[in-house]
Protein backbone atom coordinates (compact mmCIF):
# COMPACT_ATOMS: atom_id res chain seq x y z
CA MET A 1 13.86 -5.79 22.20
CA VAL A 2 11.01 -4.55 19.98
CA GLU A 3 13.01 -5.48 16.89
CA ARG A 4 13.52 -9.04 18.11
CA LEU A 5 9.84 -9.41 19.03
CA PHE A 6 8.77 -7.93 15.70
CA SER A 7 11.03 -10.34 13.78
CA ARG A 8 9.62 -13.31 15.67
CA LEU A 9 6.02 -12.19 15.18
CA ALA A 10 6.56 -11.40 11.48
CA ALA A 11 8.03 -14.86 10.91
CA GLU A 12 5.14 -16.44 12.82
CA TRP A 13 2.66 -14.42 10.74
CA ARG A 14 4.27 -15.39 7.44
CA GLU A 15 4.42 -19.05 8.40
CA GLY A 16 0.85 -19.05 9.67
CA THR A 17 -0.59 -17.40 6.57
CA GLU A 18 1.68 -18.56 3.75
CA LEU A 19 -0.98 -20.86 2.30
CA SER A 20 -3.83 -18.39 2.70
CA SER A 21 -5.08 -16.01 0.05
CA SER A 22 -7.62 -14.51 2.45
CA LEU A 23 -6.78 -10.97 3.52
CA SER A 24 -9.00 -11.46 6.57
CA ASP A 25 -6.97 -14.49 7.64
CA MET A 26 -3.77 -12.48 7.18
CA VAL A 27 -4.78 -9.41 9.16
CA LEU A 28 -6.63 -11.26 11.89
CA HIS A 29 -3.76 -13.65 12.56
CA PRO A 30 -2.73 -13.30 16.23
CA ALA A 31 0.90 -12.45 15.39
CA TYR A 32 -0.20 -9.67 13.00
CA GLN A 33 -2.52 -8.29 15.66
CA ARG A 34 0.33 -8.29 18.18
CA ILE A 35 2.47 -6.37 15.68
CA ILE A 36 -0.28 -3.76 15.46
CA GLY A 37 -0.27 -3.71 19.25
CA LEU A 38 3.39 -2.68 19.21
CA GLY A 39 2.15 0.67 17.94
CA PRO A 40 4.43 3.34 16.46
CA SER A 41 7.58 1.49 17.52
CA ALA A 42 6.76 -1.09 14.85
CA LEU A 43 6.60 1.44 12.01
CA PRO A 44 10.31 1.57 11.09
CA LEU A 45 10.41 -2.22 11.18
CA ILE A 46 7.35 -2.57 8.96
CA PHE A 47 8.77 -0.04 6.49
CA ARG A 48 12.04 -1.95 6.42
CA GLU A 49 10.09 -5.14 5.68
CA LEU A 50 8.16 -3.39 2.89
CA GLU A 51 11.42 -2.31 1.29
CA ARG A 52 12.90 -5.78 1.60
CA LYS A 53 9.87 -7.77 0.50
CA PRO A 54 6.50 -6.11 -0.16
CA ASP A 55 3.70 -7.87 1.67
CA HIS A 56 0.30 -7.10 3.18
CA TRP A 57 1.46 -4.69 5.89
CA PHE A 58 -1.00 -2.01 4.80
CA TRP A 59 -3.74 -2.87 7.29
CA ALA A 60 -1.24 -2.66 10.16
CA LEU A 61 0.17 0.62 8.86
CA LYS A 62 -3.29 2.15 8.62
CA ALA A 63 -4.23 0.85 12.08
CA ILE A 64 -1.09 2.28 13.67
CA THR A 65 -0.92 5.61 11.84
CA GLY A 66 -4.58 6.36 11.17
CA GLU A 67 -3.51 7.26 7.63
CA ASP A 68 -3.93 5.71 4.20
CA PRO A 69 -1.75 7.37 1.56
CA THR A 70 -2.69 4.84 -1.10
CA PRO A 71 -4.63 6.46 -3.95
CA PRO A 72 -7.93 4.67 -4.70
CA GLU A 73 -6.71 3.46 -8.09
CA ALA A 74 -3.76 1.70 -6.42
CA HIS A 75 -5.81 -0.34 -3.94
CA GLY A 76 -5.27 -4.03 -4.57
CA ASN A 77 -1.91 -3.47 -6.28
CA VAL A 78 0.77 -4.43 -3.73
CA ARG A 79 3.56 -2.76 -5.69
CA LEU A 80 1.74 0.60 -5.94
CA MET A 81 0.50 0.42 -2.35
CA THR A 82 4.05 -0.28 -1.17
CA ARG A 83 5.35 2.72 -3.10
CA ALA A 84 2.68 4.98 -1.60
CA TRP A 85 3.50 3.86 1.93
CA LEU A 86 7.25 4.14 1.47
CA ASP A 87 6.78 7.67 0.11
CA TRP A 88 4.59 8.44 3.15
CA ALA A 89 7.30 7.04 5.41
CA THR A 90 9.92 9.31 3.87
CA ASP A 91 7.64 12.34 4.05
CA ASN A 92 6.95 11.62 7.73
CA GLY A 93 10.51 11.15 8.94
CA PHE A 94 10.90 7.41 8.46
CA ALA A 95 13.67 7.73 5.85
CA THR A 96 13.52 4.47 3.95
CA HIS A 97 15.19 5.26 0.65
């Protein structure tokens, strides 16, 4: 059930923000906020999405986990931020690769 809801919300989020370059618009979108509200049950689904297609899931990951494994020099670089989070996921029992 969580997976189905997550998929629907993620699609709604992508559709609602596809023309926006504003990070604020992306992370404040109601569907994104509902994904954050799913809490830890959303983490494996977000990590799977990051592996499939890197996107701006970092705010949600930080909100849910209270962590930010991205080194300062990687901030703003989606590819490097994705790698940092996927490494964190592996190190914390969310085997992703």
